[in-house]
Amino acid sequence: MYQATKIVIITERTILEGVTKLIEQGGATGYTHVEAGGKGSRGMRSANKPGISGVMANVKIEAIVCDKAKAEAIITTVSRTYFKNYSGIAYVEPVEILRPYKFDV
Protein backbone atom coordinates (compact mmCIF):
# COMPACT_ATOMS: atom_id res chain seq x y z
CA MET A 1 0.00 0.00 0.00
CA TYR A 2 1.09 3.57 -0.72
CA GLN A 3 0.29 6.77 1.15
CA ALA A 4 -1.77 9.43 -0.64
CA THR A 5 -4.16 12.25 0.18
CA LYS A 6 -7.89 12.33 -0.59
CA ILE A 7 -9.55 15.65 -1.31
CA VAL A 8 -13.21 15.92 -0.30
CA ILE A 9 -15.33 18.88 -1.36
CA ILE A 10 -19.05 19.17 -0.61
CA THR A 11 -20.69 22.07 -2.40
CA GLU A 12 -23.53 23.22 -4.62
CA ARG A 13 -24.16 21.33 -7.84
CA THR A 14 -24.31 24.60 -9.79
CA ILE A 15 -20.52 25.02 -9.47
CA LEU A 16 -19.58 21.36 -10.09
CA GLU A 17 -18.03 22.02 -13.49
CA GLY A 18 -15.91 24.91 -12.25
CA VAL A 19 -14.73 23.02 -9.17
CA THR A 20 -13.76 19.93 -11.16
CA LYS A 21 -11.80 22.09 -13.62
CA LEU A 22 -9.83 23.54 -10.70
CA ILE A 23 -9.20 20.02 -9.37
CA GLU A 24 -7.79 18.93 -12.72
CA GLN A 25 -5.79 22.13 -13.17
CA GLY A 26 -4.32 21.51 -9.71
CA GLY A 27 -2.88 18.20 -10.83
CA ALA A 28 -5.44 15.54 -9.96
CA THR A 29 -5.83 12.94 -12.70
CA GLY A 30 -9.52 12.40 -12.01
CA TYR A 31 -12.35 12.73 -9.52
CA THR A 32 -15.63 11.18 -8.43
CA HIS A 33 -18.81 13.09 -7.63
CA VAL A 34 -22.10 11.95 -6.13
CA GLU A 35 -25.29 13.68 -5.03
CA ALA A 36 -25.15 14.71 -1.38
CA GLY A 37 -27.61 15.83 1.25
CA GLY A 38 -27.34 16.93 4.85
CA LYS A 39 -27.60 19.83 7.23
CA GLY A 40 -25.16 22.64 7.84
CA SER A 41 -24.91 26.34 8.55
CA ARG A 42 -27.02 27.14 5.48
CA GLY A 43 -29.81 24.76 6.45
CA MET A 44 -31.00 21.40 5.20
CA ARG A 45 -30.13 20.11 1.73
CA SER A 46 -31.75 16.96 0.41
CA ALA A 47 -30.20 14.70 -2.20
CA ASN A 48 -33.65 13.24 -2.92
CA LYS A 49 -35.53 16.55 -3.27
CA PRO A 50 -33.11 18.97 -4.90
CA GLY A 51 -35.60 21.73 -5.63
CA ILE A 52 -36.34 23.36 -8.94
CA SER A 53 -34.11 21.84 -11.64
CA GLY A 54 -31.65 20.66 -9.00
CA VAL A 55 -30.50 24.20 -8.27
CA MET A 56 -30.38 23.63 -4.51
CA ALA A 57 -28.74 20.19 -4.73
CA ASN A 58 -25.31 19.48 -3.29
CA VAL A 59 -22.55 17.23 -4.57
CA LYS A 60 -19.67 15.49 -2.87
CA ILE A 61 -16.51 15.50 -4.96
CA GLU A 62 -13.52 13.30 -4.15
CA ALA A 63 -10.09 13.15 -5.74
CA ILE A 64 -6.85 11.44 -4.75
CA VAL A 65 -3.38 12.88 -5.19
CA CYS A 66 -0.07 11.49 -3.99
CA ASP A 67 1.22 14.81 -2.65
CA LYS A 68 -0.44 16.42 0.40
CA ALA A 69 0.81 19.90 -0.59
CA LYS A 70 -0.92 19.49 -3.97
CA ALA A 71 -4.16 18.50 -2.22
CA GLU A 72 -3.99 21.50 0.09
CA ALA A 73 -3.30 23.84 -2.84
CA ILE A 74 -6.34 22.49 -4.71
CA ILE A 75 -8.77 22.97 -1.83
CA THR A 76 -7.35 26.41 -1.09
CA THR A 77 -7.93 27.45 -4.71
CA VAL A 78 -11.48 26.04 -4.70
CA SER A 79 -12.26 27.79 -1.41
CA ARG A 80 -10.92 31.17 -2.53
CA THR A 81 -12.69 30.92 -5.88
CA TYR A 82 -16.13 29.77 -4.75
CA PHE A 83 -16.84 29.61 -1.02
CA LYS A 84 -17.43 33.32 -0.52
CA ASN A 85 -20.54 33.13 -2.71
CA TYR A 86 -21.51 29.43 -2.57
CA SER A 87 -21.91 26.99 0.28
CA GLY A 88 -19.17 24.45 0.61
CA ILE A 89 -16.69 22.65 2.76
CA ALA A 90 -13.39 21.08 1.83
CA TYR A 91 -10.96 18.86 3.66
CA VAL A 92 -8.16 16.39 3.06
CA GLU A 93 -7.53 13.04 4.66
CA PRO A 94 -4.77 10.43 4.41
CA VAL A 95 -5.58 7.29 2.44
CA GLU A 96 -3.74 4.17 1.36
CA ILE A 97 -3.82 3.24 -2.31
CA LEU A 98 -2.73 0.24 -4.36
CA ARG A 99 -1.63 1.83 -7.64
CA PRO A 100 0.06 5.22 -7.11
CA TYR A 101 0.76 5.67 -10.83
CA LYS A 102 -3.00 6.16 -11.34
CA PHE A 103 -2.93 9.35 -9.28
CA ASP A 104 0.10 11.27 -10.54
CA VAL A 105 0.31 13.43 -13.63
PDB file of N, CA and C in Angstrom:
ATOM      1  N   MET A   1       0.845  -1.185   0.000  1.00  0.00           N
ATOM      2  CA  MET A   1       0.000   0.000   0.000  1.00  0.00           C
ATOM      3  C   MET A   1       0.888   1.245   0.000  1.00  0.00           C
ATOM      4  N   TYR A   2       0.371   2.301  -0.611  1.00  0.00           N
ATOM      5  CA  TYR A   2       1.090   3.566  -0.722  1.00  0.00           C
ATOM      6  C   TYR A   2       0.265   4.676  -0.080  1.00  0.00           C
ATOM      7  N   GLN A   3       0.949   5.632   0.510  1.00  0.00           N
ATOM      8  CA  GLN A   3       0.288   6.769   1.145  1.00  0.00           C
ATOM      9  C   GLN A   3      -0.112   7.801   0.093  1.00  0.00           C
ATOM     10  N   ALA A   4      -1.288   8.366   0.246  1.00  0.00           N
ATOM     11  CA  ALA A   4      -1.773   9.425  -0.639  1.00  0.00           C
ATOM     12  C   ALA A   4      -2.713  10.314   0.172  1.00  0.00           C
ATOM     13  N   THR A   5      -3.240  11.330  -0.478  1.00  0.00           N
ATOM     14  CA  THR A   5      -4.165  12.253   0.184  1.00  0.00           C
ATOM     15  C   THR A   5      -5.449  12.350  -0.624  1.00  0.00           C
ATOM     16  N   LYS A   6      -6.580  12.189   0.067  1.00  0.00           N
ATOM     17  CA  LYS A   6      -7.887  12.331  -0.589  1.00  0.00           C
ATOM     18  C   LYS A   6      -8.425  13.728  -0.321  1.00  0.00           C
ATOM     19  N   ILE A   7      -8.891  14.353  -1.376  1.00  0.00           N
ATOM     20  CA  ILE A   7      -9.553  15.654  -1.310  1.00  0.00           C
ATOM     21  C   ILE A   7     -11.048  15.384  -1.274  1.00  0.00           C
ATOM     22  N   VAL A   8     -11.756  16.028  -0.359  1.00  0.00           N
ATOM     23  CA  VAL A   8     -13.211  15.915  -0.296  1.00  0.00           C
ATOM     24  C   VAL A   8     -13.786  17.326  -0.298  1.00  0.00           C
ATOM     25  N   ILE A   9     -14.674  17.579  -1.253  1.00  0.00           N
ATOM     26  CA  ILE A   9     -15.332  18.881  -1.363  1.00  0.00           C
ATOM     27  C   ILE A   9     -16.830  18.628  -1.446  1.00  0.00           C
ATOM     28  N   ILE A  10     -17.589  19.258  -0.568  1.00  0.00           N
ATOM     29  CA  ILE A  10     -19.047  19.174  -0.612  1.00  0.00           C
ATOM     30  C   ILE A  10     -19.549  20.582  -0.878  1.00  0.00           C
ATOM     31  N   THR A  11     -20.277  20.734  -1.980  1.00  0.00           N
ATOM     32  CA  THR A  11     -20.690  22.070  -2.396  1.00  0.00           C
ATOM     33  C   THR A  11     -21.940  21.999  -3.262  1.00  0.00           C
ATOM     34  N   GLU A  12     -22.328  23.125  -3.796  1.00  0.00           N
ATOM     35  CA  GLU A  12     -23.531  23.217  -4.618  1.00  0.00           C
ATOM     36  C   GLU A  12     -23.288  22.652  -6.019  1.00  0.00           C
ATOM     37  N   ARG A  13     -24.276  21.935  -6.520  1.00  0.00           N
ATOM     38  CA  ARG A  13     -24.158  21.325  -7.843  1.00  0.00           C
ATOM     39  C   ARG A  13     -23.925  22.369  -8.936  1.00  0.00           C
ATOM     40  N   THR A  14     -24.427  23.572  -8.748  1.00  0.00           N
ATOM     41  CA  THR A  14     -24.305  24.597  -9.792  1.00  0.00           C
ATOM     42  C   THR A  14     -22.858  24.947 -10.109  1.00  0.00           C
ATOM     43  N   ILE A  15     -21.929  24.690  -9.193  1.00  0.00           N
ATOM     44  CA  ILE A  15     -20.525  25.017  -9.466  1.00  0.00           C
ATOM     45  C   ILE A  15     -19.670  23.768  -9.700  1.00  0.00           C
ATOM     46  N   LEU A  16     -20.302  22.625  -9.893  1.00  0.00           N
ATOM     47  CA  LEU A  16     -19.583  21.364 -10.087  1.00  0.00           C
ATOM     48  C   LEU A  16     -18.555  21.457 -11.208  1.00  0.00           C
ATOM     49  N   GLU A  17     -18.947  21.959 -12.355  1.00  0.00           N
ATOM     50  CA  GLU A  17     -18.033  22.015 -13.495  1.00  0.00           C
ATOM     51  C   GLU A  17     -16.809  22.878 -13.191  1.00  0.00           C
ATOM     52  N   GLY A  18     -17.030  24.026 -12.586  1.00  0.00           N
ATOM     53  CA  GLY A  18     -15.912  24.905 -12.252  1.00  0.00           C
ATOM     54  C   GLY A  18     -14.981  24.296 -11.221  1.00  0.00           C
ATOM     55  N   VAL A  19     -15.545  23.652 -10.212  1.00  0.00           N
ATOM     56  CA  VAL A  19     -14.731  23.021  -9.170  1.00  0.00           C
ATOM     57  C   VAL A  19     -13.902  21.883  -9.756  1.00  0.00           C
ATOM     58  N   THR A  20     -14.510  21.055 -10.597  1.00  0.00           N
ATOM     59  CA  THR A  20     -13.760  19.934 -11.160  1.00  0.00           C
ATOM     60  C   THR A  20     -12.659  20.413 -12.110  1.00  0.00           C
ATOM     61  N   LYS A  21     -12.882  21.524 -12.789  1.00  0.00           N
ATOM     62  CA  LYS A  21     -11.804  22.093 -13.618  1.00  0.00           C
ATOM     63  C   LYS A  21     -10.625  22.509 -12.748  1.00  0.00           C
ATOM     64  N   LEU A  22     -10.902  23.134 -11.602  1.00  0.00           N
ATOM     65  CA  LEU A  22      -9.826  23.536 -10.697  1.00  0.00           C
ATOM     66  C   LEU A  22      -9.097  22.315 -10.131  1.00  0.00           C
ATOM     67  N   ILE A  23      -9.827  21.255  -9.862  1.00  0.00           N
ATOM     68  CA  ILE A  23      -9.202  20.021  -9.368  1.00  0.00           C
ATOM     69  C   ILE A  23      -8.227  19.477 -10.408  1.00  0.00           C
ATOM     70  N   GLU A  24      -8.660  19.427 -11.662  1.00  0.00           N
ATOM     71  CA  GLU A  24      -7.787  18.926 -12.723  1.00  0.00           C
ATOM     72  C   GLU A  24      -6.608  19.867 -12.976  1.00  0.00           C
ATOM     73  N   GLN A  25      -6.869  21.166 -12.976  1.00  0.00           N
ATOM     74  CA  GLN A  25      -5.789  22.134 -13.167  1.00  0.00           C
ATOM     75  C   GLN A  25      -4.764  22.046 -12.042  1.00  0.00           C
ATOM     76  N   GLY A  26      -5.211  21.647 -10.856  1.00  0.00           N
ATOM     77  CA  GLY A  26      -4.320  21.509  -9.710  1.00  0.00           C
ATOM     78  C   GLY A  26      -3.467  20.255  -9.733  1.00  0.00           C
ATOM     79  N   GLY A  27      -3.724  19.370 -10.683  1.00  0.00           N
ATOM     80  CA  GLY A  27      -2.875  18.196 -10.835  1.00  0.00           C
ATOM     81  C   GLY A  27      -3.508  16.858 -10.543  1.00  0.00           C
ATOM     82  N   ALA A  28      -4.773  16.826 -10.165  1.00  0.00           N
ATOM     83  CA  ALA A  28      -5.443  15.536  -9.961  1.00  0.00           C
ATOM     84  C   ALA A  28      -5.750  14.920 -11.322  1.00  0.00           C
ATOM     85  N   THR A  29      -5.595  13.615 -11.427  1.00  0.00           N
ATOM     86  CA  THR A  29      -5.830  12.941 -12.703  1.00  0.00           C
ATOM     87  C   THR A  29      -7.289  12.563 -12.915  1.00  0.00           C
ATOM     88  N   GLY A  30      -8.110  12.722 -11.898  1.00  0.00           N
ATOM     89  CA  GLY A  30      -9.524  12.400 -12.015  1.00  0.00           C
ATOM     90  C   GLY A  30     -10.244  12.731 -10.723  1.00  0.00           C
ATOM     91  N   TYR A  31     -11.525  12.436 -10.697  1.00  0.00           N
ATOM     92  CA  TYR A  31     -12.348  12.729  -9.522  1.00  0.00           C
ATOM     93  C   TYR A  31     -13.619  11.901  -9.603  1.00  0.00           C
ATOM     94  N   THR A  32     -14.326  11.821  -8.499  1.00  0.00           N
ATOM     95  CA  THR A  32     -15.631  11.183  -8.429  1.00  0.00           C
ATOM     96  C   THR A  32     -16.586  12.172  -7.790  1.00  0.00           C
ATOM     97  N   HIS A  33     -17.808  12.250  -8.299  1.00  0.00           N
ATOM     98  CA  HIS A  33     -18.806  13.085  -7.632  1.00  0.00           C
ATOM     99  C   HIS A  33     -20.121  12.331  -7.521  1.00  0.00           C
ATOM    100  N   VAL A  34     -20.802  12.568  -6.403  1.00  0.00           N
ATOM    101  CA  VAL A  34     -22.099  11.949  -6.130  1.00  0.00           C
ATOM    102  C   VAL A  34     -23.017  13.002  -5.527  1.00  0.00           C
ATOM    103  N   GLU A  35     -24.318  12.793  -5.667  1.00  0.00           N
ATOM    104  CA  GLU A  35     -25.285  13.684  -5.033  1.00  0.00           C
ATOM    105  C   GLU A  35     -25.123  13.592  -3.519  1.00  0.00           C
ATOM    106  N   ALA A  36     -25.326  14.697  -2.836  1.00  0.00           N
ATOM    107  CA  ALA A  36     -25.154  14.714  -1.379  1.00  0.00           C
ATOM    108  C   ALA A  36     -26.281  15.502  -0.728  1.00  0.00           C
ATOM    109  N   GLY A  37     -26.630  15.109   0.460  1.00  0.00           N
ATOM    110  CA  GLY A  37     -27.614  15.833   1.252  1.00  0.00           C
ATOM    111  C   GLY A  37     -27.122  15.921   2.683  1.00  0.00           C
ATOM    112  N   GLY A  38     -27.729  16.795   3.449  1.00  0.00           N
ATOM    113  CA  GLY A  38     -27.340  16.929   4.848  1.00  0.00           C
ATOM    114  C   GLY A  38     -27.768  18.268   5.400  1.00  0.00           C
ATOM    115  N   LYS A  39     -27.251  18.586   6.573  1.00  0.00           N
ATOM    116  CA  LYS A  39     -27.605  19.829   7.231  1.00  0.00           C
ATOM    117  C   LYS A  39     -26.334  20.540   7.658  1.00  0.00           C
ATOM    118  N   GLY A  40     -26.311  21.843   7.447  1.00  0.00           N
ATOM    119  CA  GLY A  40     -25.162  22.644   7.836  1.00  0.00           C
ATOM    120  C   GLY A  40     -25.585  24.050   8.179  1.00  0.00           C
ATOM    121  N   SER A  41     -24.638  24.963   8.158  1.00  0.00           N
ATOM    122  CA  SER A  41     -24.906  26.343   8.552  1.00  0.00           C
ATOM    123  C   SER A  41     -25.902  27.042   7.633  1.00  0.00           C
ATOM    124  N   ARG A  42     -26.064  26.543   6.421  1.00  0.00           N
ATOM    125  CA  ARG A  42     -27.017  27.140   5.481  1.00  0.00           C
ATOM    126  C   ARG A  42     -28.324  26.364   5.410  1.00  0.00           C
ATOM    127  N   GLY A  43     -28.546  25.487   6.387  1.00  0.00           N
ATOM    128  CA  GLY A  43     -29.811  24.762   6.448  1.00  0.00           C
ATOM    129  C   GLY A  43     -29.716  23.359   5.894  1.00  0.00           C
ATOM    130  N   MET A  44     -30.882  22.776   5.665  1.00  0.00           N
ATOM    131  CA  MET A  44     -30.998  21.404   5.201  1.00  0.00           C
ATOM    132  C   MET A  44     -30.942  21.350   3.684  1.00  0.00           C
ATOM    133  N   ARG A  45     -30.175  20.393   3.164  1.00  0.00           N
ATOM    134  CA  ARG A  45     -30.131  20.113   1.730  1.00  0.00           C
ATOM    135  C   ARG A  45     -30.459  18.641   1.549  1.00  0.00           C
ATOM    136  N   SER A  46     -31.345  18.337   0.639  1.00  0.00           N
ATOM    137  CA  SER A  46     -31.751  16.958   0.412  1.00  0.00           C
ATOM    138  C   SER A  46     -31.249  16.472  -0.930  1.00  0.00           C
ATOM    139  N   ALA A  47     -30.635  15.307  -0.943  1.00  0.00           N
ATOM    140  CA  ALA A  47     -30.198  14.705  -2.198  1.00  0.00           C
ATOM    141  C   ALA A  47     -31.392  14.158  -2.971  1.00  0.00           C
ATOM    142  N   ASN A  48     -32.475  13.830  -2.277  1.00  0.00           N
ATOM    143  CA  ASN A  48     -33.646  13.244  -2.922  1.00  0.00           C
ATOM    144  C   ASN A  48     -34.635  14.279  -3.432  1.00  0.00           C
ATOM    145  N   LYS A  49     -34.625  15.481  -2.871  1.00  0.00           N
ATOM    146  CA  LYS A  49     -35.535  16.545  -3.274  1.00  0.00           C
ATOM    147  C   LYS A  49     -34.721  17.812  -3.519  1.00  0.00           C
ATOM    148  N   PRO A  50     -34.047  17.882  -4.666  1.00  0.00           N
ATOM    149  CA  PRO A  50     -33.109  18.972  -4.899  1.00  0.00           C
ATOM    150  C   PRO A  50     -33.719  20.328  -5.184  1.00  0.00           C
ATOM    151  N   GLY A  51     -35.012  20.437  -5.317  1.00  0.00           N
ATOM    152  CA  GLY A  51     -35.604  21.733  -5.630  1.00  0.00           C
ATOM    153  C   GLY A  51     -35.797  21.892  -7.126  1.00  0.00           C
ATOM    154  N   ILE A  52     -36.062  23.092  -7.536  1.00  0.00           N
ATOM    155  CA  ILE A  52     -36.339  23.365  -8.939  1.00  0.00           C
ATOM    156  C   ILE A  52     -35.095  23.110  -9.775  1.00  0.00           C
ATOM    157  N   SER A  53     -35.187  22.179 -10.708  1.00  0.00           N
ATOM    158  CA  SER A  53     -34.108  21.844 -11.636  1.00  0.00           C
ATOM    159  C   SER A  53     -32.803  21.482 -10.937  1.00  0.00           C
ATOM    160  N   GLY A  54     -32.853  21.046  -9.704  1.00  0.00           N
ATOM    161  CA  GLY A  54     -31.647  20.656  -8.996  1.00  0.00           C
ATOM    162  C   GLY A  54     -30.776  21.801  -8.541  1.00  0.00           C
ATOM    163  N   VAL A  55     -31.290  23.020  -8.603  1.00  0.00           N
ATOM    164  CA  VAL A  55     -30.495  24.197  -8.267  1.00  0.00           C
ATOM    165  C   VAL A  55     -29.980  24.140  -6.840  1.00  0.00           C
ATOM    166  N   MET A  56     -30.774  23.642  -5.917  1.00  0.00           N
ATOM    167  CA  MET A  56     -30.378  23.631  -4.513  1.00  0.00           C
ATOM    168  C   MET A  56     -29.670  22.340  -4.102  1.00  0.00           C
ATOM    169  N   ALA A  57     -29.377  21.468  -5.051  1.00  0.00           N
ATOM    170  CA  ALA A  57     -28.742  20.191  -4.730  1.00  0.00           C
ATOM    171  C   ALA A  57     -27.258  20.375  -4.425  1.00  0.00           C
ATOM    172  N   ASN A  58     -26.736  19.500  -3.601  1.00  0.00           N
ATOM    173  CA  ASN A  58     -25.314  19.476  -3.286  1.00  0.00           C
ATOM    174  C   ASN A  58     -24.657  18.263  -3.922  1.00  0.00           C
ATOM    175  N   VAL A  59     -23.349  18.343  -4.090  1.00  0.00           N
ATOM    176  CA  VAL A  59     -22.554  17.228  -4.572  1.00  0.00           C
ATOM    177  C   VAL A  59     -21.356  17.044  -3.651  1.00  0.00           C
ATOM    178  N   LYS A  60     -20.911  15.810  -3.574  1.00  0.00           N
ATOM    179  CA  LYS A  60     -19.669  15.491  -2.869  1.00  0.00           C
ATOM    180  C   LYS A  60     -18.669  15.067  -3.935  1.00  0.00           C
ATOM    181  N   ILE A  61     -17.539  15.747  -3.964  1.00  0.00           N
ATOM    182  CA  ILE A  61     -16.507  15.497  -4.961  1.00  0.00           C
ATOM    183  C   ILE A  61     -15.280  14.963  -4.234  1.00  0.00           C
ATOM    184  N   GLU A  62     -14.729  13.869  -4.739  1.00  0.00           N
ATOM    185  CA  GLU A  62     -13.524  13.298  -4.152  1.00  0.00           C
ATOM    186  C   GLU A  62     -12.463  13.116  -5.227  1.00  0.00           C
ATOM    187  N   ALA A  63     -11.229  13.382  -4.851  1.00  0.00           N
ATOM    188  CA  ALA A  63     -10.088  13.148  -5.736  1.00  0.00           C
ATOM    189  C   ALA A  63      -8.927  12.683  -4.875  1.00  0.00           C
ATOM    190  N   ILE A  64      -8.025  11.919  -5.468  1.00  0.00           N
ATOM    191  CA  ILE A  64      -6.851  11.442  -4.745  1.00  0.00           C
ATOM    192  C   ILE A  64      -5.604  11.935  -5.458  1.00  0.00           C
ATOM    193  N   VAL A  65      -4.686  12.475  -4.673  1.00  0.00           N
ATOM    194  CA  VAL A  65      -3.376  12.883  -5.186  1.00  0.00           C
ATOM    195  C   VAL A  65      -2.314  12.295  -4.265  1.00  0.00           C
ATOM    196  N   CYS A  66      -1.130  12.091  -4.803  1.00  0.00           N
ATOM    197  CA  CYS A  66      -0.069  11.486  -3.995  1.00  0.00           C
ATOM    198  C   CYS A  66       0.623  12.493  -3.088  1.00  0.00           C
ATOM    199  N   ASP A  67       0.507  13.772  -3.391  1.00  0.00           N
ATOM    200  CA  ASP A  67       1.219  14.807  -2.646  1.00  0.00           C
ATOM    201  C   ASP A  67       0.243  15.638  -1.805  1.00  0.00           C
ATOM    202  N   LYS A  68       0.456  15.676  -0.488  1.00  0.00           N
ATOM    203  CA  LYS A  68      -0.436  16.424   0.402  1.00  0.00           C
ATOM    204  C   LYS A  68      -0.431  17.915   0.085  1.00  0.00           C
ATOM    205  N   ALA A  69       0.726  18.468  -0.261  1.00  0.00           N
ATOM    206  CA  ALA A  69       0.808  19.897  -0.593  1.00  0.00           C
ATOM    207  C   ALA A  69      -0.053  20.215  -1.812  1.00  0.00           C
ATOM    208  N   LYS A  70      -0.077  19.308  -2.780  1.00  0.00           N
ATOM    209  CA  LYS A  70      -0.918  19.487  -3.970  1.00  0.00           C
ATOM    210  C   LYS A  70      -2.394  19.481  -3.574  1.00  0.00           C
ATOM    211  N   ALA A  71      -2.770  18.578  -2.688  1.00  0.00           N
ATOM    212  CA  ALA A  71      -4.155  18.498  -2.218  1.00  0.00           C
ATOM    213  C   ALA A  71      -4.561  19.779  -1.507  1.00  0.00           C
ATOM    214  N   GLU A  72      -3.691  20.271  -0.640  1.00  0.00           N
ATOM    215  CA  GLU A  72      -3.993  21.501   0.094  1.00  0.00           C
ATOM    216  C   GLU A  72      -4.088  22.702  -0.839  1.00  0.00           C
ATOM    217  N   ALA A  73      -3.244  22.742  -1.865  1.00  0.00           N
ATOM    218  CA  ALA A  73      -3.303  23.837  -2.840  1.00  0.00           C
ATOM    219  C   ALA A  73      -4.619  23.803  -3.611  1.00  0.00           C
ATOM    220  N   ILE A  74      -5.076  22.618  -3.967  1.00  0.00           N
ATOM    221  CA  ILE A  74      -6.337  22.486  -4.705  1.00  0.00           C
ATOM    222  C   ILE A  74      -7.505  22.982  -3.864  1.00  0.00           C
ATOM    223  N   ILE A  75      -7.613  22.537  -2.618  1.00  0.00           N
ATOM    224  CA  ILE A  75      -8.772  22.968  -1.828  1.00  0.00           C
ATOM    225  C   ILE A  75      -8.693  24.446  -1.464  1.00  0.00           C
ATOM    226  N   THR A  76      -7.497  24.975  -1.336  1.00  0.00           N
ATOM    227  CA  THR A  76      -7.353  26.415  -1.089  1.00  0.00           C
ATOM    228  C   THR A  76      -7.841  27.208  -2.288  1.00  0.00           C
ATOM    229  N   THR A  77      -7.484  26.776  -3.491  1.00  0.00           N
ATOM    230  CA  THR A  77      -7.933  27.452  -4.710  1.00  0.00           C
ATOM    231  C   THR A  77      -9.448  27.374  -4.853  1.00  0.00           C
ATOM    232  N   VAL A  78     -10.022  26.201  -4.615  1.00  0.00           N
ATOM    233  CA  VAL A  78     -11.479  26.041  -4.696  1.00  0.00           C
ATOM    234  C   VAL A  78     -12.161  26.952  -3.680  1.00  0.00           C
ATOM    235  N   SER A  79     -11.663  26.962  -2.466  1.00  0.00           N
ATOM    236  CA  SER A  79     -12.257  27.786  -1.412  1.00  0.00           C
ATOM    237  C   SER A  79     -12.208  29.269  -1.760  1.00  0.00           C
ATOM    238  N   ARG A  80     -11.059  29.745  -2.191  1.00  0.00           N
ATOM    239  CA  ARG A  80     -10.918  31.167  -2.530  1.00  0.00           C
ATOM    240  C   ARG A  80     -11.761  31.557  -3.739  1.00  0.00           C
ATOM    241  N   THR A  81     -11.933  30.633  -4.658  1.00  0.00           N
ATOM    242  CA  THR A  81     -12.686  30.921  -5.882  1.00  0.00           C
ATOM    243  C   THR A  81     -14.191  30.911  -5.647  1.00  0.00           C
ATOM    244  N   TYR A  82     -14.687  29.996  -4.819  1.00  0.00           N
ATOM    245  CA  TYR A  82     -16.130  29.774  -4.747  1.00  0.00           C
ATOM    246  C   TYR A  82     -16.802  29.970  -3.390  1.00  0.00           C
ATOM    247  N   PHE A  83     -16.128  29.713  -2.291  1.00  0.00           N
ATOM    248  CA  PHE A  83     -16.842  29.607  -1.022  1.00  0.00           C
ATOM    249  C   PHE A  83     -17.278  30.926  -0.409  1.00  0.00           C
ATOM    250  N   LYS A  84     -16.903  32.040  -0.991  1.00  0.00           N
ATOM    251  CA  LYS A  84     -17.434  33.320  -0.516  1.00  0.00           C
ATOM    252  C   LYS A  84     -18.891  33.480  -0.958  1.00  0.00           C
ATOM    253  N   ASN A  85     -19.212  32.946  -2.137  1.00  0.00           N
ATOM    254  CA  ASN A  85     -20.544  33.125  -2.714  1.00  0.00           C
ATOM    255  C   ASN A  85     -21.388  31.852  -2.773  1.00  0.00           C
ATOM    256  N   TYR A  86     -20.793  30.710  -2.511  1.00  0.00           N
ATOM    257  CA  TYR A  86     -21.505  29.432  -2.567  1.00  0.00           C
ATOM    258  C   TYR A  86     -21.215  28.652  -1.293  1.00  0.00           C
ATOM    259  N   SER A  87     -22.169  27.822  -0.896  1.00  0.00           N
ATOM    260  CA  SER A  87     -21.911  26.991   0.276  1.00  0.00           C
ATOM    261  C   SER A  87     -20.912  25.898  -0.095  1.00  0.00           C
ATOM    262  N   GLY A  88     -20.122  25.515   0.870  1.00  0.00           N
ATOM    263  CA  GLY A  88     -19.167  24.449   0.607  1.00  0.00           C
ATOM    264  C   GLY A  88     -18.229  24.214   1.762  1.00  0.00           C
ATOM    265  N   ILE A  89     -17.759  22.994   1.844  1.00  0.00           N
ATOM    266  CA  ILE A  89     -16.692  22.646   2.765  1.00  0.00           C
ATOM    267  C   ILE A  89     -15.672  21.825   1.994  1.00  0.00           C
ATOM    268  N   ALA A  90     -14.449  21.852   2.463  1.00  0.00           N
ATOM    269  CA  ALA A  90     -13.391  21.075   1.828  1.00  0.00           C
ATOM    270  C   ALA A  90     -12.429  20.598   2.900  1.00  0.00           C
ATOM    271  N   TYR A  91     -11.951  19.387   2.731  1.00  0.00           N
ATOM    272  CA  TYR A  91     -10.958  18.856   3.657  1.00  0.00           C
ATOM    273  C   TYR A  91     -10.127  17.796   2.958  1.00  0.00           C
ATOM    274  N   VAL A  92      -9.007  17.462   3.568  1.00  0.00           N
ATOM    275  CA  VAL A  92      -8.157  16.392   3.059  1.00  0.00           C
ATOM    276  C   VAL A  92      -8.017  15.336   4.147  1.00  0.00           C
ATOM    277  N   GLU A  93      -7.759  14.112   3.710  1.00  0.00           N
ATOM    278  CA  GLU A  93      -7.529  13.042   4.664  1.00  0.00           C
ATOM    279  C   GLU A  93      -6.545  12.041   4.072  1.00  0.00           C
ATOM    280  N   PRO A  94      -5.723  11.423   4.914  1.00  0.00           N
ATOM    281  CA  PRO A  94      -4.774  10.435   4.407  1.00  0.00           C
ATOM    282  C   PRO A  94      -5.501   9.158   4.000  1.00  0.00           C
ATOM    283  N   VAL A  95      -5.030   8.563   2.911  1.00  0.00           N
ATOM    284  CA  VAL A  95      -5.576   7.292   2.439  1.00  0.00           C
ATOM    285  C   VAL A  95      -4.420   6.399   2.005  1.00  0.00           C
ATOM    286  N   GLU A  96      -4.704   5.122   1.887  1.00  0.00           N
ATOM    287  CA  GLU A  96      -3.736   4.169   1.360  1.00  0.00           C
ATOM    288  C   GLU A  96      -4.269   3.652   0.037  1.00  0.00           C
ATOM    289  N   ILE A  97      -3.398   3.629  -0.966  1.00  0.00           N
ATOM    290  CA  ILE A  97      -3.818   3.237  -2.312  1.00  0.00           C
ATOM    291  C   ILE A  97      -2.951   2.087  -2.821  1.00  0.00           C
ATOM    292  N   LEU A  98      -3.457   1.368  -3.795  1.00  0.00           N
ATOM    293  CA  LEU A  98      -2.732   0.236  -4.365  1.00  0.00           C
ATOM    294  C   LEU A  98      -1.862   0.621  -5.555  1.00  0.00           C
ATOM    295  N   ARG A  99      -2.328   1.520  -6.396  1.00  0.00           N
ATOM    296  CA  ARG A  99      -1.627   1.835  -7.641  1.00  0.00           C
ATOM    297  C   ARG A  99      -1.325   3.330  -7.717  1.00  0.00           C
ATOM    298  N   PRO A 100      -0.222   3.780  -7.155  1.00  0.00           N
ATOM    299  CA  PRO A 100       0.055   5.217  -7.110  1.00  0.00           C
ATOM    300  C   PRO A 100       0.196   5.860  -8.487  1.00  0.00           C
ATOM    301  N   TYR A 101       0.601   5.109  -9.487  1.00  0.00           N
ATOM    302  CA  TYR A 101       0.757   5.670 -10.831  1.00  0.00           C
ATOM    303  C   TYR A 101      -0.573   6.145 -11.413  1.00  0.00           C
ATOM    304  N   LYS A 102      -1.683   5.708 -10.870  1.00  0.00           N
ATOM    305  CA  LYS A 102      -3.000   6.155 -11.339  1.00  0.00           C
ATOM    306  C   LYS A 102      -3.337   7.568 -10.872  1.00  0.00           C
ATOM    307  N   PHE A 103      -2.571   8.087  -9.903  1.00  0.00           N
ATOM    308  CA  PHE A 103      -2.929   9.351  -9.275  1.00  0.00           C
ATOM    309  C   PHE A 103      -1.906  10.460  -9.478  1.00  0.00           C
ATOM    310  N   ASP A 104      -0.894  10.238 -10.259  1.00  0.00           N
ATOM    311  CA  ASP A 104       0.103  11.272 -10.538  1.00  0.00           C
ATOM    312  C   ASP A 104       0.064  11.656 -12.007  1.00  0.00           C
ATOM    313  N   VAL A 105       0.269  12.933 -12.245  1.00  0.00           N
ATOM    314  CA  VAL A 105       0.306  13.433 -13.627  1.00  0.00           C
ATOM    315  C   VAL A 105       1.707  13.248 -14.158  1.00  0.00           C
TER     316      VAL A 105
END
